[in-house]
C-alpha cells in the first residue's frame, strides 16, 4: 500500500511538471489522456479498489481522489491560460479592417416541405377543409386506445413508438390522434378538417425513412358520408397536386381505426404507369392509407355511428415533396445543406 501511495505521489509530481510546459490545446488533450485517461495510474487504481483490504480501501481511496482532483484543477487552470494565449496570438496576427464592406445577407427561401404544405392547404381549402393543429406529444389513449388500438392489440407493434419518462405520454406516431381532438371540439357539428404536423417513430434512417417526418390527416364526419366521397376527394387532390395525368386506385388494406380500409396509390408520374425504377416496375406509387372512420372511433369522438359516418386519410408530406420535386433521398429535407435548399 505504501508503495502504491508513493507511485501516485510521483505520478502527480511528474504530471504537474509536464503540464507547465504545455502550450497548445492538442498537447493538453494528450496530457489528459496520459494522466487522467482510462489507462492512467489514477484510473486503473480505481479499478483495483476491490482487490484491497477493508482497511486499505479508504486510505487509498482518499489518496487517489485527492490526486485526481488536484490534476483536474491544474488542467482547468492551464486550459484557461492556453486559450488566453491563443486568443492574444490570433488578435496580433489577424488584424480586422473595420473599413471593409460587410458581407451581404442572403434572402431566405421557403423550404420545399413548406412549399408542398402550402399547396396542400390551398387545394383542400378550395374543397372547404379547415386546418386543425393537434399536439405532437400525446397521451397513450389518444395515440392508440381511442383509435381502436387497446393496450393488448397487436397493431401497436406496427409503430416504433417513442415513450417519454412520464407514464402514458408518447411522441405521436401518426396524425390520427387529431381525429379525436377535432371531433370532440366540433361535436355535434359536421367535421371537415386537415390535420398537418410532425410524427416520430424509432425507425432505421435511409433514403425513404426518417425518425421525424411530416404527415397530414384528412377527416370528414357528417350524415351520409360514403366511400365514394373519399375516392373523389383523394382523386381530386392527386390531380391538382401532381397533374391531370395522375390517377388513383384504392387497394384493400387494414387499419384499426378505419373500416373498410384501403391503401391509396397514384399512377407513376415518372413513367406514366409503364413501370420504372421509382415504382419498382408496378406503374403505381403508394401515397398513404385511408378508409371509413371506424364506429368505435366515431363514438370516442362523441358521434353516434348509427347517424353519422366519415372518412379519414393519412398522406406523407415528405413523400409528397419527394415526388413533386423528384428528390431521391428524404434526408436532404433535413440536413440543412444550403446547396440543396437554394434550388427551390
C-alpha atoms as a PDB file:
ATOM      1  CA  UNK A   1       0.000   0.000   0.000  1.00  0.00           C
ATOM      2  CA  UNK A   2       2.852   2.404   0.883  1.00  0.00           C
ATOM      3  CA  UNK A   3       4.462   1.632  -2.451  1.00  0.00           C
ATOM      4  CA  UNK A   4       1.229   2.476  -4.308  1.00  0.00           C
ATOM      5  CA  UNK A   5       0.863   5.774  -2.442  1.00  0.00           C
ATOM      6  CA  UNK A   6       4.425   6.653  -3.395  1.00  0.00           C
ATOM      7  CA  UNK A   7       3.703   5.816  -7.048  1.00  0.00           C
ATOM      8  CA  UNK A   8       0.623   8.028  -7.003  1.00  0.00           C
ATOM      9  CA  UNK A   9       2.505  10.942  -5.471  1.00  0.00           C
ATOM     10  CA  UNK A  10       5.335  10.580  -8.000  1.00  0.00           C
ATOM     11  CA  UNK A  11       2.746  10.429 -10.778  1.00  0.00           C
ATOM     12  CA  UNK A  12       1.181  13.645  -9.551  1.00  0.00           C
ATOM     13  CA  UNK A  13       4.527  15.436  -9.366  1.00  0.00           C
ATOM     14  CA  UNK A  14       5.584  14.349 -12.870  1.00  0.00           C
ATOM     15  CA  UNK A  15       2.180  15.221 -14.300  1.00  0.00           C
ATOM     16  CA  UNK A  16       2.198  18.735 -12.842  1.00  0.00           C
ATOM     17  CA  UNK A  17       5.753  19.365 -14.066  1.00  0.00           C
ATOM     18  CA  UNK A  18       4.865  18.245 -17.592  1.00  0.00           C
ATOM     19  CA  UNK A  19       1.671  20.292 -17.546  1.00  0.00           C
ATOM     20  CA  UNK A  20       3.559  23.547 -17.019  1.00  0.00           C
ATOM     21  CA  UNK A  21       5.471  23.048 -20.268  1.00  0.00           C
ATOM     22  CA  UNK A  22       2.405  22.633 -22.498  1.00  0.00           C
ATOM     23  CA  UNK A  23       1.272  25.469 -24.773  1.00  0.00           C
ATOM     24  CA  UNK A  24      -1.363  24.078 -27.147  1.00  0.00           C
ATOM     25  CA  UNK A  25      -4.865  22.524 -26.842  1.00  0.00           C
ATOM     26  CA  UNK A  26      -3.615  19.392 -28.617  1.00  0.00           C
ATOM     27  CA  UNK A  27      -0.848  18.933 -26.051  1.00  0.00           C
ATOM     28  CA  UNK A  28      -3.369  19.378 -23.229  1.00  0.00           C
ATOM     29  CA  UNK A  29      -5.582  16.659 -24.719  1.00  0.00           C
ATOM     30  CA  UNK A  30      -2.611  14.288 -24.901  1.00  0.00           C
ATOM     31  CA  UNK A  31      -1.658  15.117 -21.278  1.00  0.00           C
ATOM     32  CA  UNK A  32      -5.212  14.450 -20.115  1.00  0.00           C
ATOM     33  CA  UNK A  33      -5.244  11.102 -21.877  1.00  0.00           C
ATOM     34  CA  UNK A  34      -1.909  10.148 -20.279  1.00  0.00           C
ATOM     35  CA  UNK A  35      -2.621  11.130 -16.673  1.00  0.00           C
ATOM     36  CA  UNK A  36      -6.439  11.017 -16.431  1.00  0.00           C
ATOM     37  CA  UNK A  37      -7.385   8.602 -19.214  1.00  0.00           C
ATOM     38  CA  UNK A  38      -8.585   5.027 -18.802  1.00  0.00           C
ATOM     39  CA  UNK A  39      -5.042   3.603 -18.900  1.00  0.00           C
ATOM     40  CA  UNK A  40      -3.600   6.142 -16.443  1.00  0.00           C
ATOM     41  CA  UNK A  41      -2.352   5.091 -12.987  1.00  0.00           C
ATOM     42  CA  UNK A  42      -5.112   7.114 -11.324  1.00  0.00           C
ATOM     43  CA  UNK A  43      -7.963   5.449 -13.217  1.00  0.00           C
ATOM     44  CA  UNK A  44      -6.508   1.924 -13.068  1.00  0.00           C
ATOM     45  CA  UNK A  45      -6.188   2.323  -9.292  1.00  0.00           C
ATOM     46  CA  UNK A  46      -9.930   2.946  -9.128  1.00  0.00           C
ATOM     47  CA  UNK A  47     -10.483  -0.314 -10.985  1.00  0.00           C
ATOM     48  CA  UNK A  48      -8.349  -2.234  -8.466  1.00  0.00           C
ATOM     49  CA  UNK A  49     -10.157  -0.996  -5.343  1.00  0.00           C
ATOM     50  CA  UNK A  50     -11.907  -4.325  -4.942  1.00  0.00           C
ATOM     51  CA  UNK A  51      -8.562  -6.098  -4.501  1.00  0.00           C
ATOM     52  CA  UNK A  52      -7.567  -4.090  -1.413  1.00  0.00           C
ATOM     53  CA  UNK A  53      -8.478  -4.968   2.162  1.00  0.00           C
ATOM     54  CA  UNK A  54     -11.240  -3.117   4.027  1.00  0.00           C
ATOM     55  CA  UNK A  55      -8.603  -1.173   5.967  1.00  0.00           C
ATOM     56  CA  UNK A  56      -6.656  -0.169   2.838  1.00  0.00           C
ATOM     57  CA  UNK A  57      -9.615   0.918   0.683  1.00  0.00           C
ATOM     58  CA  UNK A  58     -10.484   4.201   2.477  1.00  0.00           C
ATOM     59  CA  UNK A  59      -6.823   5.236   2.697  1.00  0.00           C
ATOM     60  CA  UNK A  60      -6.091   4.529  -0.955  1.00  0.00           C
ATOM     61  CA  UNK A  61      -9.465   5.951  -1.991  1.00  0.00           C
ATOM     62  CA  UNK A  62      -8.786   9.282  -0.281  1.00  0.00           C
ATOM     63  CA  UNK A  63      -5.299   9.441  -1.750  1.00  0.00           C
ATOM     64  CA  UNK A  64      -6.318   8.726  -5.324  1.00  0.00           C
ATOM     65  CA  UNK A  65      -9.318  11.100  -5.096  1.00  0.00           C
ATOM     66  CA  UNK A  66      -7.078  13.909  -3.849  1.00  0.00           C
ATOM     67  CA  UNK A  67      -4.595  13.369  -6.676  1.00  0.00           C
ATOM     68  CA  UNK A  68      -7.351  13.199  -9.313  1.00  0.00           C
ATOM     69  CA  UNK A  69      -8.927  16.447  -8.084  1.00  0.00           C
ATOM     70  CA  UNK A  70      -5.537  18.158  -7.991  1.00  0.00           C
ATOM     71  CA  UNK A  71      -4.724  17.132 -11.557  1.00  0.00           C
ATOM     72  CA  UNK A  72      -8.157  18.170 -12.838  1.00  0.00           C
ATOM     73  CA  UNK A  73      -7.887  21.571 -11.115  1.00  0.00           C
ATOM     74  CA  UNK A  74      -4.408  22.152 -12.544  1.00  0.00           C
ATOM     75  CA  UNK A  75      -5.643  21.151 -16.014  1.00  0.00           C
ATOM     76  CA  UNK A  76      -8.547  23.607 -15.838  1.00  0.00           C
ATOM     77  CA  UNK A  77      -6.232  26.460 -14.879  1.00  0.00           C
ATOM     78  CA  UNK A  78      -3.811  25.593 -17.654  1.00  0.00           C
ATOM     79  CA  UNK A  79      -6.613  25.423 -20.230  1.00  0.00           C
ATOM     80  CA  UNK A  80      -7.657  28.981 -19.356  1.00  0.00           C
ATOM     81  CA  UNK A  81      -4.100  30.219 -19.846  1.00  0.00           C
ATOM     82  CA  UNK A  82      -3.603  28.356 -23.129  1.00  0.00           C
ATOM     83  CA  UNK A  83      -6.874  29.697 -24.540  1.00  0.00           C
ATOM     84  CA  UNK A  84      -5.972  33.220 -23.491  1.00  0.00           C
ATOM     85  CA  UNK A  85      -2.532  32.995 -25.115  1.00  0.00           C
ATOM     86  CA  UNK A  86      -4.053  31.566 -28.317  1.00  0.00           C
ATOM     87  CA  UNK A  87      -6.548  34.441 -28.445  1.00  0.00           C
ATOM     88  CA  UNK A  88      -3.797  37.036 -27.979  1.00  0.00           C
ATOM     89  CA  UNK A  89      -1.727  35.487 -30.762  1.00  0.00           C
ATOM     90  CA  UNK A  90      -4.764  35.474 -33.054  1.00  0.00           C
ATOM     91  CA  UNK A  91      -5.527  39.119 -32.315  1.00  0.00           C
ATOM     92  CA  UNK A  92      -1.939  40.065 -33.071  1.00  0.00           C
ATOM     93  CA  UNK A  93      -1.700  38.113 -36.328  1.00  0.00           C
ATOM     94  CA  UNK A  94      -5.227  38.680 -37.691  1.00  0.00           C
ATOM     95  CA  UNK A  95      -5.993  42.349 -37.930  1.00  0.00           C
ATOM     96  CA  UNK A  96      -9.587  43.391 -38.643  1.00  0.00           C
ATOM     97  CA  UNK A  97     -10.090  46.207 -41.121  1.00  0.00           C
ATOM     98  CA  UNK A  98     -13.361  47.810 -39.980  1.00  0.00           C
ATOM     99  CA  UNK A  99     -13.481  49.942 -43.140  1.00  0.00           C
ATOM    100  CA  UNK A 100     -14.128  46.915 -45.367  1.00  0.00           C
ATOM    101  CA  UNK A 101     -17.749  46.440 -46.511  1.00  0.00           C
ATOM    102  CA  UNK A 102     -19.713  43.767 -44.702  1.00  0.00           C
ATOM    103  CA  UNK A 103     -20.992  40.518 -46.161  1.00  0.00           C
ATOM    104  CA  UNK A 104     -24.439  40.836 -47.746  1.00  0.00           C
ATOM    105  CA  UNK A 105     -27.272  38.996 -46.021  1.00  0.00           C
ATOM    106  CA  UNK A 106     -28.834  36.432 -48.331  1.00  0.00           C
ATOM    107  CA  UNK A 107     -32.573  36.428 -48.654  1.00  0.00           C
ATOM    108  CA  UNK A 108     -34.096  33.227 -47.371  1.00  0.00           C
ATOM    109  CA  UNK A 109     -36.424  30.931 -49.281  1.00  0.00           C
ATOM    110  CA  UNK A 110     -39.314  28.680 -48.448  1.00  0.00           C
ATOM    111  CA  UNK A 111     -38.315  25.114 -47.564  1.00  0.00           C
ATOM    112  CA  UNK A 112     -39.585  22.548 -50.107  1.00  0.00           C
ATOM    113  CA  UNK A 113     -41.691  20.840 -47.421  1.00  0.00           C
ATOM    114  CA  UNK A 114     -43.367  24.164 -46.611  1.00  0.00           C
ATOM    115  CA  UNK A 115     -43.917  24.794 -50.318  1.00  0.00           C
ATOM    116  CA  UNK A 116     -45.711  21.440 -50.567  1.00  0.00           C
ATOM    117  CA  UNK A 117     -47.662  22.102 -47.380  1.00  0.00           C
ATOM    118  CA  UNK A 118     -48.890  25.477 -48.662  1.00  0.00           C
ATOM    119  CA  UNK A 119     -50.047  23.870 -51.885  1.00  0.00           C
ATOM    120  CA  UNK A 120     -51.841  21.158 -49.880  1.00  0.00           C
ATOM    121  CA  UNK A 121     -53.557  23.863 -47.806  1.00  0.00           C
ATOM    122  CA  UNK A 122     -54.635  25.667 -50.982  1.00  0.00           C
ATOM    123  CA  UNK A 123     -56.056  22.524 -52.588  1.00  0.00           C
ATOM    124  CA  UNK A 124     -58.065  21.396 -49.577  1.00  0.00           C
ATOM    125  CA  UNK A 125     -59.038  24.975 -48.764  1.00  0.00           C
ATOM    126  CA  UNK A 126     -60.779  25.060 -52.139  1.00  0.00           C
ATOM    127  CA  UNK A 127     -62.684  21.935 -51.050  1.00  0.00           C
ATOM    128  CA  UNK A 128     -63.858  23.585 -47.836  1.00  0.00           C
ATOM    129  CA  UNK A 129     -61.399  21.979 -45.396  1.00  0.00           C
ATOM    130  CA  UNK A 130     -60.093  23.866 -42.367  1.00  0.00           C
ATOM    131  CA  UNK A 131     -56.579  23.434 -40.934  1.00  0.00           C
ATOM    132  CA  UNK A 132     -56.678  21.922 -37.444  1.00  0.00           C
ATOM    133  CA  UNK A 133     -53.468  21.716 -35.398  1.00  0.00           C
ATOM    134  CA  UNK A 134     -53.213  18.972 -32.783  1.00  0.00           C
ATOM    135  CA  UNK A 135     -50.482  18.120 -30.211  1.00  0.00           C
ATOM    136  CA  UNK A 136     -47.285  16.340 -31.233  1.00  0.00           C
ATOM    137  CA  UNK A 137     -46.870  14.977 -27.684  1.00  0.00           C
ATOM    138  CA  UNK A 138     -49.855  12.768 -26.952  1.00  0.00           C
ATOM    139  CA  UNK A 139     -51.277  10.502 -24.324  1.00  0.00           C
ATOM    140  CA  UNK A 140     -51.228   6.776 -24.948  1.00  0.00           C
ATOM    141  CA  UNK A 141     -55.022   6.818 -25.016  1.00  0.00           C
ATOM    142  CA  UNK A 142     -55.191   9.461 -27.740  1.00  0.00           C
ATOM    143  CA  UNK A 143     -52.451   7.876 -29.818  1.00  0.00           C
ATOM    144  CA  UNK A 144     -53.774   4.332 -29.550  1.00  0.00           C
ATOM    145  CA  UNK A 145     -56.722   3.417 -27.300  1.00  0.00           C
ATOM    146  CA  UNK A 146     -59.314   5.904 -28.627  1.00  0.00           C
ATOM    147  CA  UNK A 147     -58.326   4.864 -32.161  1.00  0.00           C
ATOM    148  CA  UNK A 148     -59.484   1.308 -31.504  1.00  0.00           C
ATOM    149  CA  UNK A 149     -55.992   0.085 -30.549  1.00  0.00           C
ATOM    150  CA  UNK A 150     -56.253  -1.032 -26.887  1.00  0.00           C
ATOM    151  CA  UNK A 151     -53.108  -1.970 -24.899  1.00  0.00           C
ATOM    152  CA  UNK A 152     -53.375  -5.669 -25.769  1.00  0.00           C
ATOM    153  CA  UNK A 153     -53.866  -5.077 -29.518  1.00  0.00           C
ATOM    154  CA  UNK A 154     -51.044  -6.428 -31.745  1.00  0.00           C
ATOM    155  CA  UNK A 155     -51.449  -3.458 -34.111  1.00  0.00           C
ATOM    156  CA  UNK A 156     -49.379  -1.407 -31.668  1.00  0.00           C
ATOM    157  CA  UNK A 157     -46.341  -3.289 -32.969  1.00  0.00           C
ATOM    158  CA  UNK A 158     -46.806  -1.533 -36.332  1.00  0.00           C
ATOM    159  CA  UNK A 159     -45.395   1.680 -34.846  1.00  0.00           C
ATOM    160  CA  UNK A 160     -41.931   2.021 -33.278  1.00  0.00           C
ATOM    161  CA  UNK A 161     -43.143   4.424 -30.621  1.00  0.00           C
ATOM    162  CA  UNK A 162     -41.080   6.899 -28.611  1.00  0.00           C
ATOM    163  CA  UNK A 163     -42.240   6.681 -24.981  1.00  0.00           C
ATOM    164  CA  UNK A 164     -41.399   9.528 -22.606  1.00  0.00           C
ATOM    165  CA  UNK A 165     -40.302   9.255 -18.987  1.00  0.00           C
ATOM    166  CA  UNK A 166     -43.808  10.298 -17.942  1.00  0.00           C
ATOM    167  CA  UNK A 167     -46.040   7.247 -17.886  1.00  0.00           C
ATOM    168  CA  UNK A 168     -48.776   7.274 -20.505  1.00  0.00           C
ATOM    169  CA  UNK A 169     -47.195  10.046 -22.610  1.00  0.00           C
ATOM    170  CA  UNK A 170     -45.715   9.379 -26.069  1.00  0.00           C
ATOM    171  CA  UNK A 171     -44.464  11.257 -29.114  1.00  0.00           C
ATOM    172  CA  UNK A 172     -47.271  10.764 -31.590  1.00  0.00           C
ATOM    173  CA  UNK A 173     -46.591   8.128 -34.222  1.00  0.00           C
ATOM    174  CA  UNK A 174     -49.218   9.438 -36.666  1.00  0.00           C
ATOM    175  CA  UNK A 175     -51.566  12.406 -37.050  1.00  0.00           C
ATOM    176  CA  UNK A 176     -54.644  10.233 -36.447  1.00  0.00           C
ATOM    177  CA  UNK A 177     -54.962  11.251 -32.735  1.00  0.00           C
ATOM    178  CA  UNK A 178     -56.005  14.628 -34.099  1.00  0.00           C
ATOM    179  CA  UNK A 179     -59.239  12.974 -35.250  1.00  0.00           C
ATOM    180  CA  UNK A 180     -60.365  12.577 -31.646  1.00  0.00           C
ATOM    181  CA  UNK A 181     -59.375  16.153 -30.750  1.00  0.00           C
ATOM    182  CA  UNK A 182     -61.218  17.578 -33.756  1.00  0.00           C
ATOM    183  CA  UNK A 183     -64.396  15.529 -33.296  1.00  0.00           C
ATOM    184  CA  UNK A 184     -64.664  16.387 -29.610  1.00  0.00           C
ATOM    185  CA  UNK A 185     -64.218  20.080 -30.405  1.00  0.00           C
ATOM    186  CA  UNK A 186     -66.621  20.186 -33.372  1.00  0.00           C
ATOM    187  CA  UNK A 187     -69.334  17.921 -31.922  1.00  0.00           C
ATOM    188  CA  UNK A 188     -72.239  17.920 -32.761  1.00  0.00           C
ATOM    189  CA  UNK A 189     -71.453  19.832 -35.969  1.00  0.00           C
ATOM    190  CA  UNK A 190     -70.071  18.281 -39.174  1.00  0.00           C
ATOM    191  CA  UNK A 191     -66.277  17.978 -39.426  1.00  0.00           C
ATOM    192  CA  UNK A 192     -64.136  18.734 -42.471  1.00  0.00           C
ATOM    193  CA  UNK A 193     -60.535  19.310 -41.422  1.00  0.00           C
ATOM    194  CA  UNK A 194     -56.946  18.724 -42.476  1.00  0.00           C
ATOM    195  CA  UNK A 195     -54.560  17.891 -39.638  1.00  0.00           C
ATOM    196  CA  UNK A 196     -50.884  18.512 -40.530  1.00  0.00           C
ATOM    197  CA  UNK A 197     -47.801  18.044 -38.378  1.00  0.00           C
ATOM    198  CA  UNK A 198     -44.726  16.084 -37.400  1.00  0.00           C
ATOM    199  CA  UNK A 199     -44.761  12.413 -36.408  1.00  0.00           C
ATOM    200  CA  UNK A 200     -41.971  10.482 -34.700  1.00  0.00           C
ATOM    201  CA  UNK A 201     -41.039   6.811 -34.988  1.00  0.00           C
ATOM    202  CA  UNK A 202     -37.866   4.992 -33.980  1.00  0.00           C
ATOM    203  CA  UNK A 203     -37.022   3.696 -37.462  1.00  0.00           C
ATOM    204  CA  UNK A 204     -33.825   2.983 -39.343  1.00  0.00           C
ATOM    205  CA  UNK A 205     -32.869   6.119 -41.286  1.00  0.00           C
ATOM    206  CA  UNK A 206     -32.323   5.596 -45.010  1.00  0.00           C
ATOM    207  CA  UNK A 207     -33.312   7.142 -48.352  1.00  0.00           C
ATOM    208  CA  UNK A 208     -37.025   6.808 -47.635  1.00  0.00           C
ATOM    209  CA  UNK A 209     -37.281   6.800 -43.815  1.00  0.00           C
ATOM    210  CA  UNK A 210     -36.566   9.366 -41.100  1.00  0.00           C
ATOM    211  CA  UNK A 211     -37.117   9.363 -37.336  1.00  0.00           C
ATOM    212  CA  UNK A 212     -39.226  12.508 -37.750  1.00  0.00           C
ATOM    213  CA  UNK A 213     -41.466  13.068 -40.765  1.00  0.00           C
ATOM    214  CA  UNK A 214     -44.346  15.326 -41.786  1.00  0.00           C
ATOM    215  CA  UNK A 215     -47.822  13.965 -42.424  1.00  0.00           C
ATOM    216  CA  UNK A 216     -51.309  15.312 -42.965  1.00  0.00           C
ATOM    217  CA  UNK A 217     -54.585  13.715 -41.996  1.00  0.00           C
ATOM    218  CA  UNK A 218     -57.981  14.313 -43.563  1.00  0.00           C
ATOM    219  CA  UNK A 219     -61.146  13.885 -41.529  1.00  0.00           C
ATOM    220  CA  UNK A 220     -64.728  14.290 -42.717  1.00  0.00           C
ATOM    221  CA  UNK A 221     -67.667  13.442 -40.449  1.00  0.00           C
ATOM    222  CA  UNK A 222     -71.298  14.115 -41.363  1.00  0.00           C
ATOM    223  CA  UNK A 223     -74.518  12.364 -42.220  1.00  0.00           C
ATOM    224  CA  UNK A 224     -74.422  10.296 -45.388  1.00  0.00           C
ATOM    225  CA  UNK A 225     -70.648  10.260 -45.977  1.00  0.00           C
ATOM    226  CA  UNK A 226     -69.673   7.316 -48.197  1.00  0.00           C
ATOM    227  CA  UNK A 227     -66.590   5.648 -49.625  1.00  0.00           C
ATOM    228  CA  UNK A 228     -67.296   7.436 -52.894  1.00  0.00           C
ATOM    229  CA  UNK A 229     -66.705  10.783 -51.154  1.00  0.00           C
ATOM    230  CA  UNK A 230     -63.315   9.501 -50.021  1.00  0.00           C
ATOM    231  CA  UNK A 231     -62.344   8.305 -53.509  1.00  0.00           C
ATOM    232  CA  UNK A 232     -63.462  11.509 -55.186  1.00  0.00           C
ATOM    233  CA  UNK A 233     -61.679  13.746 -52.683  1.00  0.00           C
ATOM    234  CA  UNK A 234     -58.357  11.932 -52.937  1.00  0.00           C
ATOM    235  CA  UNK A 235     -58.562  11.643 -56.715  1.00  0.00           C
ATOM    236  CA  UNK A 236     -59.172  15.400 -56.997  1.00  0.00           C
ATOM    237  CA  UNK A 237     -56.271  16.141 -54.636  1.00  0.00           C
ATOM    238  CA  UNK A 238     -53.888  13.921 -56.599  1.00  0.00           C
ATOM    239  CA  UNK A 239     -54.714  15.534 -59.938  1.00  0.00           C
ATOM    240  CA  UNK A 240     -54.333  19.052 -58.513  1.00  0.00           C
ATOM    241  CA  UNK A 241     -51.062  18.199 -56.794  1.00  0.00           C
ATOM    242  CA  UNK A 242     -49.345  16.121 -59.492  1.00  0.00           C
ATOM    243  CA  UNK A 243     -51.154  16.964 -62.714  1.00  0.00           C
ATOM    244  CA  UNK A 244     -54.182  15.836 -64.672  1.00  0.00           C
ATOM    245  CA  UNK A 245     -52.383  12.681 -65.788  1.00  0.00           C
ATOM    246  CA  UNK A 246     -52.191  11.299 -62.236  1.00  0.00           C
ATOM    247  CA  UNK A 247     -54.774   8.624 -61.477  1.00  0.00           C
ATOM    248  CA  UNK A 248     -55.571   6.892 -58.195  1.00  0.00           C
ATOM    249  CA  UNK A 249     -56.602   3.454 -57.086  1.00  0.00           C
ATOM    250  CA  UNK A 250     -57.598   2.020 -53.724  1.00  0.00           C
ATOM    251  CA  UNK A 251     -56.185  -1.333 -52.588  1.00  0.00           C
ATOM    252  CA  UNK A 252     -57.893  -3.221 -49.736  1.00  0.00           C
ATOM    253  CA  UNK A 253     -55.932  -2.953 -46.502  1.00  0.00           C
ATOM    254  CA  UNK A 254     -56.425  -2.874 -42.745  1.00  0.00           C
ATOM    255  CA  UNK A 255     -56.135  -0.115 -40.163  1.00  0.00           C
ATOM    256  CA  UNK A 256     -57.694  -0.488 -36.707  1.00  0.00           C
ATOM    257  CA  UNK A 257     -59.271   2.976 -36.842  1.00  0.00           C
ATOM    258  CA  UNK A 258     -60.965   2.649 -40.257  1.00  0.00           C
ATOM    259  CA  UNK A 259     -63.385   0.063 -41.638  1.00  0.00           C
ATOM    260  CA  UNK A 260     -63.237  -0.647 -44.514  1.00  0.00           C
ATOM    261  CA  UNK A 261     -59.626   0.429 -45.070  1.00  0.00           C
ATOM    262  CA  UNK A 262     -57.525   0.946 -48.174  1.00  0.00           C
ATOM    263  CA  UNK A 263     -54.088   1.953 -49.412  1.00  0.00           C
ATOM    264  CA  UNK A 264     -54.129   4.952 -51.742  1.00  0.00           C
ATOM    265  CA  UNK A 265     -51.932   4.531 -54.831  1.00  0.00           C
ATOM    266  CA  UNK A 266     -51.166   7.036 -57.578  1.00  0.00           C
ATOM    267  CA  UNK A 267     -50.153   6.162 -61.126  1.00  0.00           C
ATOM    268  CA  UNK A 268     -46.409   6.694 -61.503  1.00  0.00           C
ATOM    269  CA  UNK A 269     -45.811  10.236 -62.747  1.00  0.00           C
ATOM    270  CA  UNK A 270     -42.293   9.338 -63.871  1.00  0.00           C
ATOM    271  CA  UNK A 271     -43.132   6.573 -66.332  1.00  0.00           C
ATOM    272  CA  UNK A 272     -46.830   7.188 -66.967  1.00  0.00           C
ATOM    273  CA  UNK A 273     -47.740   3.851 -65.415  1.00  0.00           C
ATOM    274  CA  UNK A 274     -45.499   1.803 -67.719  1.00  0.00           C
ATOM    275  CA  UNK A 275     -43.151   0.657 -64.943  1.00  0.00           C
ATOM    276  CA  UNK A 276     -39.791   2.114 -63.849  1.00  0.00           C
ATOM    277  CA  UNK A 277     -37.261   2.067 -61.013  1.00  0.00           C
ATOM    278  CA  UNK A 278     -39.215   4.590 -58.957  1.00  0.00           C
ATOM    279  CA  UNK A 279     -42.409   2.497 -58.923  1.00  0.00           C
ATOM    280  CA  UNK A 280     -40.451  -0.799 -58.886  1.00  0.00           C
ATOM    281  CA  UNK A 281     -41.974  -1.778 -62.199  1.00  0.00           C
ATOM    282  CA  UNK A 282     -45.566  -1.735 -60.941  1.00  0.00           C
ATOM    283  CA  UNK A 283     -46.677   1.544 -62.513  1.00  0.00           C
ATOM    284  CA  UNK A 284     -48.093   2.704 -59.140  1.00  0.00           C
ATOM    285  CA  UNK A 285     -46.725   4.725 -56.208  1.00  0.00           C
ATOM    286  CA  UNK A 286     -48.195   4.443 -52.701  1.00  0.00           C
ATOM    287  CA  UNK A 287     -49.304   7.771 -51.199  1.00  0.00           C
ATOM    288  CA  UNK A 288     -50.861   6.724 -47.878  1.00  0.00           C
ATOM    289  CA  UNK A 289     -53.680   4.955 -46.091  1.00  0.00           C
ATOM    290  CA  UNK A 290     -57.377   5.785 -45.882  1.00  0.00           C
ATOM    291  CA  UNK A 291     -60.802   4.390 -45.085  1.00  0.00           C
ATOM    292  CA  UNK A 292     -64.151   4.978 -43.434  1.00  0.00           C
ATOM    293  CA  UNK A 293     -63.878   6.062 -39.796  1.00  0.00           C
ATOM    294  CA  UNK A 294     -64.429   3.062 -37.517  1.00  0.00           C
ATOM    295  CA  UNK A 295     -67.671   3.199 -35.462  1.00  0.00           C
ATOM    296  CA  UNK A 296     -65.682   2.928 -32.211  1.00  0.00           C
ATOM    297  CA  UNK A 297     -63.582   5.940 -33.202  1.00  0.00           C
ATOM    298  CA  UNK A 298     -66.744   7.904 -34.008  1.00  0.00           C
ATOM    299  CA  UNK A 299     -68.111   7.019 -30.568  1.00  0.00           C
ATOM    300  CA  UNK A 300     -64.896   8.081 -28.856  1.00  0.00           C
ATOM    301  CA  UNK A 301     -65.176  11.393 -30.708  1.00  0.00           C
ATOM    302  CA  UNK A 302     -68.746  11.875 -29.483  1.00  0.00           C
ATOM    303  CA  UNK A 303     -70.680  10.952 -32.646  1.00  0.00           C
ATOM    304  CA  UNK A 304     -73.361   8.270 -32.945  1.00  0.00           C
ATOM    305  CA  UNK A 305     -72.227   5.839 -35.699  1.00  0.00           C
ATOM    306  CA  UNK A 306     -75.869   4.957 -36.359  1.00  0.00           C
ATOM    307  CA  UNK A 307     -76.421   8.546 -37.522  1.00  0.00           C
ATOM    308  CA  UNK A 308     -73.011   9.817 -38.642  1.00  0.00           C
ATOM    309  CA  UNK A 309     -70.308   8.397 -40.866  1.00  0.00           C
ATOM    310  CA  UNK A 310     -66.982   9.728 -42.049  1.00  0.00           C
ATOM    311  CA  UNK A 311     -63.749   9.077 -43.860  1.00  0.00           C
ATOM    312  CA  UNK A 312     -60.113   9.651 -42.968  1.00  0.00           C
ATOM    313  CA  UNK A 313     -56.873   9.596 -44.953  1.00  0.00           C
ATOM    314  CA  UNK A 314     -53.226   9.966 -43.999  1.00  0.00           C
ATOM    315  CA  UNK A 315     -50.610  11.104 -46.530  1.00  0.00           C
ATOM    316  CA  UNK A 316     -46.922  11.848 -46.011  1.00  0.00           C
ATOM    317  CA  UNK A 317     -45.990  15.460 -46.750  1.00  0.00           C
ATOM    318  CA  UNK A 318     -42.334  14.467 -47.050  1.00  0.00           C
ATOM    319  CA  UNK A 319     -43.217  11.756 -49.558  1.00  0.00           C
ATOM    320  CA  UNK A 320     -45.380  14.199 -51.500  1.00  0.00           C
ATOM    321  CA  UNK A 321     -42.436  16.635 -51.604  1.00  0.00           C
ATOM    322  CA  UNK A 322     -40.062  13.932 -52.864  1.00  0.00           C
ATOM    323  CA  UNK A 323     -42.448  13.046 -55.684  1.00  0.00           C
ATOM    324  CA  UNK A 324     -43.324  16.637 -56.530  1.00  0.00           C
ATOM    325  CA  UNK A 325     -39.711  17.774 -56.901  1.00  0.00           C
ATOM    326  CA  UNK A 326     -38.228  14.389 -57.917  1.00  0.00           C
ATOM    327  CA  UNK A 327     -35.905  14.206 -54.884  1.00  0.00           C
ATOM    328  CA  UNK A 328     -34.310  10.792 -54.417  1.00  0.00           C
ATOM    329  CA  UNK A 329     -33.367  10.945 -50.699  1.00  0.00           C
ATOM    330  CA  UNK A 330     -35.597  12.074 -47.822  1.00  0.00           C
ATOM    331  CA  UNK A 331     -32.543  13.016 -45.747  1.00  0.00           C
ATOM    332  CA  UNK A 332     -31.948  16.040 -47.989  1.00  0.00           C
ATOM    333  CA  UNK A 333     -35.037  17.632 -46.446  1.00  0.00           C
ATOM    334  CA  UNK A 334     -33.461  17.992 -43.003  1.00  0.00           C
ATOM    335  CA  UNK A 335     -29.685  18.181 -43.399  1.00  0.00           C
ATOM    336  CA  UNK A 336     -29.761  21.991 -43.934  1.00  0.00           C
ATOM    337  CA  UNK A 337     -27.437  21.865 -46.938  1.00  0.00           C
ATOM    338  CA  UNK A 338     -27.676  25.350 -48.470  1.00  0.00           C
ATOM    339  CA  UNK A 339     -26.736  23.941 -51.895  1.00  0.00           C
ATOM    340  CA  UNK A 340     -29.876  21.806 -51.828  1.00  0.00           C
ATOM    341  CA  UNK A 341     -32.186  24.453 -50.365  1.00  0.00           C
ATOM    342  CA  UNK A 342     -31.150  27.106 -52.894  1.00  0.00           C
ATOM    343  CA  UNK A 343     -32.703  25.013 -55.675  1.00  0.00           C
ATOM    344  CA  UNK A 344     -36.226  25.856 -54.520  1.00  0.00           C
END
